[in-house]
Amino acid sequence: MSVANVSDCRPKTVRLRYFALLREQAKRDNEVRATTARTCAELYFELQKEYSFPLPLSQMKVAVNEEFVGPERPLQAGDEVVFIPPVAGG
């Protein structure tokens, strides 16, 4: 295993913000979390398991540090991550 792969497995602390349905499921607006997830997708699956998020990742928009990104974007310590569910309004 290369040094890069080993460092990918170390826990990193990220900040999360929750909106709409995800906020209701997680019962919080935000949290700081230590994770070994390497990508936004892995982080979402971790959260989905813990909080029983009902929506698949394919229905989410993902923002990291206030920029929309793809779900395979690598996570860095200190990132602020937001998974944005579809929202109906009128």
Protein backbone atom coordinates (compact mmCIF):
# COMPACT_ATOMS: atom_id res chain seq x y z
CA MET A 1 0.00 0.00 0.00
CA SER A 2 1.41 3.38 -0.93
CA VAL A 3 1.81 6.25 1.52
CA ALA A 4 -0.99 8.15 -0.25
CA ASN A 5 -3.42 5.27 0.29
CA VAL A 6 -2.53 5.03 3.97
CA SER A 7 -3.14 8.75 4.55
CA ASP A 8 -6.52 8.48 2.78
CA CYS A 9 -7.69 6.11 5.53
CA ARG A 10 -6.82 8.43 8.43
CA PRO A 11 -9.80 10.13 10.06
CA LYS A 12 -10.33 13.72 9.02
CA THR A 13 -12.68 16.25 10.52
CA VAL A 14 -15.31 17.81 8.25
CA ARG A 15 -18.17 20.19 8.91
CA LEU A 16 -21.63 19.20 7.69
CA ARG A 17 -24.75 21.30 7.16
CA TYR A 18 -28.19 19.75 6.75
CA PHE A 19 -31.26 21.14 4.98
CA ALA A 20 -34.88 20.10 4.48
CA LEU A 21 -35.50 16.35 4.75
CA LEU A 22 -31.91 15.60 5.75
CA ARG A 23 -32.13 18.06 8.65
CA GLU A 24 -35.33 16.34 9.82
CA GLN A 25 -33.73 12.88 9.60
CA ALA A 26 -30.46 13.88 11.29
CA LYS A 27 -32.34 15.97 13.90
CA ARG A 28 -29.74 18.73 13.60
CA ASP A 29 -28.77 21.65 11.35
CA ASN A 30 -25.05 20.93 11.35
CA GLU A 31 -22.29 18.90 12.94
CA VAL A 32 -18.55 18.45 13.00
CA ARG A 33 -17.65 14.86 12.24
CA ALA A 34 -14.54 12.71 12.12
CA THR A 35 -14.68 10.38 9.13
CA THR A 36 -12.48 8.00 7.18
CA ALA A 37 -14.59 8.57 4.04
CA ARG A 38 -12.35 9.40 1.11
CA THR A 39 -15.00 11.03 -1.09
CA CYS A 40 -18.27 12.90 -0.73
CA ALA A 41 -20.08 9.77 -1.92
CA GLU A 42 -18.51 7.62 0.80
CA LEU A 43 -19.44 10.27 3.36
CA TYR A 44 -23.06 10.33 2.17
CA PHE A 45 -23.30 6.53 2.43
CA GLU A 46 -21.89 6.74 5.98
CA LEU A 47 -24.48 9.37 6.92
CA GLN A 48 -27.27 7.50 5.14
CA LYS A 49 -26.55 4.42 7.21
CA GLU A 50 -26.40 6.35 10.50
CA TYR A 51 -29.39 8.65 9.97
CA SER A 52 -31.50 6.50 7.62
CA PHE A 53 -31.53 9.14 4.89
CA PRO A 54 -34.20 7.88 2.45
CA LEU A 55 -32.94 9.55 -0.73
CA PRO A 56 -30.29 8.04 -2.98
CA LEU A 57 -27.13 10.03 -3.61
CA SER A 58 -28.20 10.39 -7.26
CA GLN A 59 -30.96 12.79 -6.12
CA MET A 60 -28.58 15.03 -4.14
CA LYS A 61 -26.58 18.08 -5.12
CA VAL A 62 -23.23 18.18 -3.33
CA ALA A 63 -21.42 21.34 -2.29
CA VAL A 64 -17.99 21.51 -0.68
CA ASN A 65 -16.72 24.82 0.63
CA GLU A 66 -19.63 26.60 -1.10
CA GLU A 67 -18.89 25.12 -4.55
CA PHE A 68 -20.98 22.49 -6.30
CA VAL A 69 -18.92 19.35 -6.88
CA GLY A 70 -19.37 15.79 -8.06
CA PRO A 71 -19.89 13.02 -5.51
CA GLU A 72 -16.44 11.53 -6.19
CA ARG A 73 -14.68 14.71 -5.06
CA PRO A 74 -11.99 13.78 -2.50
CA LEU A 75 -12.53 15.02 1.05
CA GLN A 76 -9.95 17.12 2.86
CA ALA A 77 -9.73 17.88 6.57
CA GLY A 78 -11.68 21.05 7.32
CA ASP A 79 -14.03 20.81 4.32
CA GLU A 80 -17.59 22.05 4.78
CA VAL A 81 -19.91 19.59 3.05
CA VAL A 82 -23.57 20.09 2.21
CA PHE A 83 -25.81 17.47 0.61
CA ILE A 84 -28.80 19.29 -0.85
CA PRO A 85 -31.97 17.28 -1.40
CA PRO A 86 -34.56 18.23 -4.00
CA VAL A 87 -36.88 20.88 -2.55
CA ALA A 88 -40.42 21.59 -3.68
CA GLY A 89 -41.73 25.07 -3.26
CA GLY A 90 -44.17 27.48 -4.59
